[in-house]
Amino acid sequence: MEEFTPQQHETWAELYHRQIPLIERYACSEYLDGFAILDLPPDEVPTVDYLNSKITPATGWEIVRTDVRYTDSDEWYRQFDMKHFLITDYMRSWEELDWTPEPDMFHDVFGHLPFMALPEYARLQEMFAPTYLRSATGEQKESIKRLAWFSTEFGLVRQGGDVKIFGTGLMSGGDEMRKAADGVTERREFTIDNVLTRDKAVNEQNEILFVFDSMDALKAELARYFDTI
């Protein structure tokens, strides 16, 4: 049985209630569909058993908790290839509620896992690991990581005449999410050429984000590069 501290539950509840009005206003329709399926508890950290009871029957993926705070890319994609989604047991501090440079359990669960209840999104994620694992060079691996960063982590999607949040790193962060959705952060078209010239902003907020027309359009653009490896 997993055990969480009262402070972890308190941090989860505070972040959850902060993000609800933001996702209702800014999140893409796919995320909201998955969020309804996952039905996360508002006032306590959900257990892996609970998460798997929702996700595994829907997509075949399994959630695995790890005490590693930032999993190495090679290991991450080996786990991905087995349809294992790793979530850390680390929770951000109270001083980092608005923004944290390090992925924590709130980001992993609230940001990522609603999507993982959707078969069409699971198929998008399943594009990355086989390509990464067959890459012959470090440059190819870095390119795949960059494409993931600016799509599944920090991507934007056009829906209903507006630009909505698609990236999971934005779903779990209030300040950066607002800036991205309101157009404060510069936007460019998501193309292989555009994205591969842009470095990831790991320890600060992104200055440029990329927009695509749909999840299918994103898959097609990714395939243009992935199919060459």
Protein backbone atom coordinates (compact mmCIF):
# COMPACT_ATOMS: atom_id res chain seq x y z
CA MET A 1 0.00 0.00 0.00
CA GLU A 2 1.44 3.37 -0.99
CA GLU A 3 1.73 5.95 1.74
CA PHE A 4 1.93 9.71 1.23
CA THR A 5 2.64 12.39 3.80
CA PRO A 6 0.01 14.92 4.90
CA GLN A 7 2.17 17.61 3.24
CA GLN A 8 2.09 15.73 -0.08
CA HIS A 9 -1.69 15.43 0.07
CA GLU A 10 -1.95 19.13 0.96
CA THR A 11 0.28 20.14 -1.95
CA TRP A 12 -1.67 17.90 -4.33
CA ALA A 13 -5.00 19.40 -3.23
CA GLU A 14 -3.74 22.99 -3.56
CA LEU A 15 -2.34 22.37 -7.04
CA TYR A 16 -5.43 20.44 -8.15
CA HIS A 17 -7.83 23.20 -7.15
CA ARG A 18 -5.60 25.86 -8.73
CA GLN A 19 -5.43 24.03 -12.05
CA ILE A 20 -9.09 23.08 -12.48
CA PRO A 21 -10.28 26.51 -13.71
CA LEU A 22 -7.22 26.75 -15.97
CA ILE A 23 -7.73 23.41 -17.69
CA GLU A 24 -11.44 24.12 -18.08
CA ARG A 25 -10.55 27.33 -19.89
CA TYR A 26 -7.37 26.44 -21.77
CA ALA A 27 -6.96 22.66 -22.19
CA CYS A 28 -7.56 20.85 -25.46
CA SER A 29 -10.63 18.63 -25.79
CA GLU A 30 -8.62 15.39 -25.70
CA TYR A 31 -7.15 16.22 -22.32
CA LEU A 32 -10.57 17.08 -20.91
CA ASP A 33 -11.98 13.78 -22.21
CA GLY A 34 -9.17 11.86 -20.51
CA PHE A 35 -9.51 13.90 -17.34
CA ALA A 36 -13.16 12.87 -17.07
CA ILE A 37 -12.24 9.20 -17.56
CA LEU A 38 -9.41 9.28 -15.01
CA ASP A 39 -11.56 11.02 -12.37
CA LEU A 40 -8.63 12.07 -10.19
CA PRO A 41 -9.30 12.60 -6.47
CA PRO A 42 -9.19 16.32 -5.69
CA ASP A 43 -7.82 16.20 -2.16
CA GLU A 44 -5.36 13.32 -2.04
CA VAL A 45 -2.59 11.81 -4.14
CA PRO A 46 -3.98 8.87 -6.15
CA THR A 47 -2.35 5.47 -5.77
CA VAL A 48 -0.82 3.52 -8.64
CA ASP A 49 -3.50 0.85 -8.18
CA TYR A 50 -6.20 3.45 -8.69
CA LEU A 51 -4.50 4.91 -11.76
CA ASN A 52 -3.99 1.51 -13.34
CA SER A 53 -7.62 0.59 -12.71
CA LYS A 54 -8.53 3.40 -15.11
CA ILE A 55 -5.67 3.41 -17.61
CA THR A 56 -4.69 -0.22 -18.21
CA PRO A 57 -8.17 -1.38 -19.34
CA ALA A 58 -8.42 1.65 -21.64
CA THR A 59 -5.04 1.58 -23.39
CA GLY A 60 -2.97 -1.34 -22.12
CA TRP A 61 -0.44 0.95 -20.46
CA GLU A 62 0.76 0.38 -16.90
CA ILE A 63 1.71 3.11 -14.44
CA VAL A 64 4.89 2.38 -12.47
CA ARG A 65 6.06 4.51 -9.55
CA THR A 66 9.79 5.20 -9.21
CA ASP A 67 11.94 6.88 -6.57
CA VAL A 68 14.11 8.34 -9.36
CA ARG A 69 13.43 12.05 -9.67
CA TYR A 70 14.50 12.41 -13.30
CA THR A 71 14.76 9.14 -15.24
CA ASP A 72 17.56 8.81 -17.80
CA SER A 73 16.27 9.03 -21.38
CA ASP A 74 17.52 5.59 -22.40
CA GLU A 75 15.75 3.95 -19.45
CA TRP A 76 12.65 6.11 -19.95
CA TYR A 77 12.25 4.91 -23.53
CA ARG A 78 13.01 1.29 -22.63
CA GLN A 79 10.12 1.48 -20.16
CA PHE A 80 7.97 3.24 -22.77
CA ASP A 81 8.62 0.42 -25.20
CA MET A 82 7.06 -1.93 -22.64
CA LYS A 83 4.09 0.47 -22.23
CA HIS A 84 5.25 1.42 -18.76
CA PHE A 85 4.69 5.05 -17.78
CA LEU A 86 6.98 6.05 -14.91
CA ILE A 87 5.77 8.49 -12.27
CA THR A 88 8.09 9.82 -9.58
CA ASP A 89 7.41 9.74 -5.85
CA TYR A 90 8.83 13.28 -5.52
CA MET A 91 6.46 16.20 -4.84
CA ARG A 92 7.47 19.83 -5.38
CA SER A 93 7.91 22.12 -2.38
CA TRP A 94 5.28 24.63 -1.26
CA GLU A 95 7.58 27.42 -2.55
CA GLU A 96 7.47 25.93 -6.07
CA LEU A 97 3.69 25.74 -6.44
CA ASP A 98 3.54 28.15 -9.37
CA TRP A 99 6.39 26.64 -11.34
CA THR A 100 8.98 23.92 -10.84
CA PRO A 101 11.85 23.09 -13.21
CA GLU A 102 11.80 19.45 -12.11
CA PRO A 103 8.94 17.09 -13.00
CA ASP A 104 7.16 15.94 -9.85
CA MET A 105 4.29 13.54 -9.13
CA PHE A 106 1.68 16.24 -9.71
CA HIS A 107 3.07 16.91 -13.17
CA ASP A 108 3.35 13.20 -13.93
CA VAL A 109 -0.18 12.36 -12.82
CA PHE A 110 -2.25 15.50 -13.44
CA GLY A 111 -0.35 16.54 -16.57
CA HIS A 112 0.28 13.26 -18.36
CA LEU A 113 -2.10 10.59 -17.22
CA PRO A 114 -5.47 11.93 -18.40
CA PHE A 115 -4.09 11.59 -21.92
CA MET A 116 -2.92 8.03 -21.24
CA ALA A 117 -6.56 6.93 -20.82
CA LEU A 118 -7.13 7.69 -24.54
CA PRO A 119 -6.23 5.04 -27.15
CA GLU A 120 -5.54 7.64 -29.86
CA TYR A 121 -3.07 9.44 -27.59
CA ALA A 122 -1.43 6.20 -26.47
CA ARG A 123 -0.73 5.48 -30.15
CA LEU A 124 0.98 8.87 -30.42
CA GLN A 125 3.23 8.07 -27.47
CA GLU A 126 3.94 4.63 -28.90
CA MET A 127 5.62 6.30 -31.89
CA PHE A 128 8.53 7.59 -29.81
CA ALA A 129 10.15 4.62 -28.06
CA PRO A 130 10.72 2.32 -31.08
CA THR A 131 12.24 5.22 -33.01
CA TYR A 132 14.45 6.28 -30.10
CA LEU A 133 15.65 2.72 -29.45
CA ARG A 134 16.61 2.10 -33.08
CA SER A 135 18.43 5.44 -33.39
CA ALA A 136 22.02 4.99 -34.48
CA THR A 137 23.43 8.28 -33.26
CA GLY A 138 23.25 10.59 -30.29
CA GLU A 139 22.10 13.36 -32.60
CA GLN A 140 19.06 11.32 -33.63
CA LYS A 141 18.21 10.63 -29.98
CA GLU A 142 18.47 14.32 -29.13
CA SER A 143 16.21 15.19 -32.06
CA ILE A 144 13.55 12.74 -30.88
CA LYS A 145 13.72 14.17 -27.35
CA ARG A 146 13.36 17.69 -28.77
CA LEU A 147 10.34 16.67 -30.85
CA ALA A 148 8.74 15.11 -27.77
CA TRP A 149 9.49 18.22 -25.71
CA PHE A 150 7.79 20.60 -28.10
CA SER A 151 4.81 18.33 -28.82
CA THR A 152 3.66 16.08 -25.98
CA GLU A 153 5.30 18.18 -23.24
CA PHE A 154 4.81 21.76 -24.46
CA GLY A 155 2.77 21.63 -27.66
CA LEU A 156 -0.22 23.77 -28.62
CA VAL A 157 -3.13 22.72 -30.84
CA ARG A 158 -5.70 24.64 -32.86
CA GLN A 159 -9.27 23.78 -31.89
CA GLY A 160 -12.56 25.58 -32.48
CA GLY A 161 -10.92 28.69 -33.86
CA ASP A 162 -8.63 29.04 -30.84
CA VAL A 163 -5.24 27.76 -29.68
CA LYS A 164 -5.50 25.25 -26.84
CA ILE A 165 -2.95 23.69 -24.52
CA PHE A 166 -1.82 20.20 -25.55
CA GLY A 167 1.51 19.79 -23.74
CA THR A 168 1.51 18.02 -20.41
CA GLY A 169 4.21 20.27 -18.97
CA LEU A 170 1.82 23.18 -19.42
CA MET A 171 -1.22 21.37 -17.97
CA SER A 172 0.41 21.19 -14.54
CA GLY A 173 1.89 24.70 -14.41
CA GLY A 174 -0.24 27.78 -13.83
CA ASP A 175 1.94 30.72 -14.86
CA GLU A 176 3.46 29.16 -17.99
CA MET A 177 0.08 27.75 -19.00
CA ARG A 178 -1.56 31.19 -18.91
CA LYS A 179 1.24 32.77 -20.94
CA ALA A 180 1.07 30.03 -23.55
CA ALA A 181 -2.71 30.09 -23.89
CA ASP A 182 -3.01 33.87 -23.94
CA GLY A 183 -0.40 34.25 -26.67
CA VAL A 184 2.20 35.95 -24.45
CA THR A 185 4.69 33.21 -25.36
CA GLU A 186 5.77 33.39 -29.00
CA ARG A 187 4.17 30.77 -31.24
CA ARG A 188 5.57 29.11 -34.35
CA GLU A 189 4.29 26.36 -36.62
CA PHE A 190 5.16 22.82 -35.55
CA THR A 191 7.35 21.46 -38.34
CA ILE A 192 10.37 19.20 -38.11
CA ASP A 193 12.63 21.95 -39.43
CA ASN A 194 11.31 24.55 -36.99
CA VAL A 195 11.49 22.35 -33.91
CA LEU A 196 14.92 20.84 -34.51
CA THR A 197 16.51 24.28 -34.55
CA ARG A 198 15.16 25.11 -31.07
CA ASP A 199 16.78 24.00 -27.81
CA LYS A 200 14.69 22.74 -24.91
CA ALA A 201 14.28 25.15 -21.99
CA VAL A 202 14.76 22.72 -19.13
CA ASN A 203 15.54 25.08 -16.25
CA GLU A 204 13.40 28.04 -17.32
CA GLN A 205 10.12 28.68 -19.08
CA ASN A 206 9.99 28.25 -22.84
CA GLU A 207 10.29 31.45 -24.88
CA ILE A 208 8.87 29.83 -28.03
CA LEU A 209 6.17 27.16 -28.40
CA PHE A 210 4.91 25.32 -31.47
CA VAL A 211 1.36 24.88 -32.77
CA PHE A 212 -0.18 22.05 -34.84
CA ASP A 213 -3.66 21.59 -36.29
CA SER A 214 -4.63 18.28 -34.64
CA MET A 215 -3.24 15.15 -33.04
CA ASP A 216 -3.40 13.43 -36.44
CA ALA A 217 -1.48 16.30 -38.02
CA LEU A 218 1.13 16.01 -35.28
CA LYS A 219 1.50 12.27 -35.87
CA ALA A 220 1.93 12.85 -39.60
CA GLU A 221 4.61 15.50 -39.06
CA LEU A 222 6.50 13.33 -36.56
CA ALA A 223 6.38 10.40 -38.99
CA ARG A 224 8.20 12.52 -41.57
CA TYR A 225 11.27 12.37 -39.34
CA PHE A 226 10.71 9.06 -37.55
CA ASP A 227 10.36 7.14 -40.82
CA THR A 228 13.88 8.18 -41.82
CA ILE A 229 15.41 6.37 -38.83
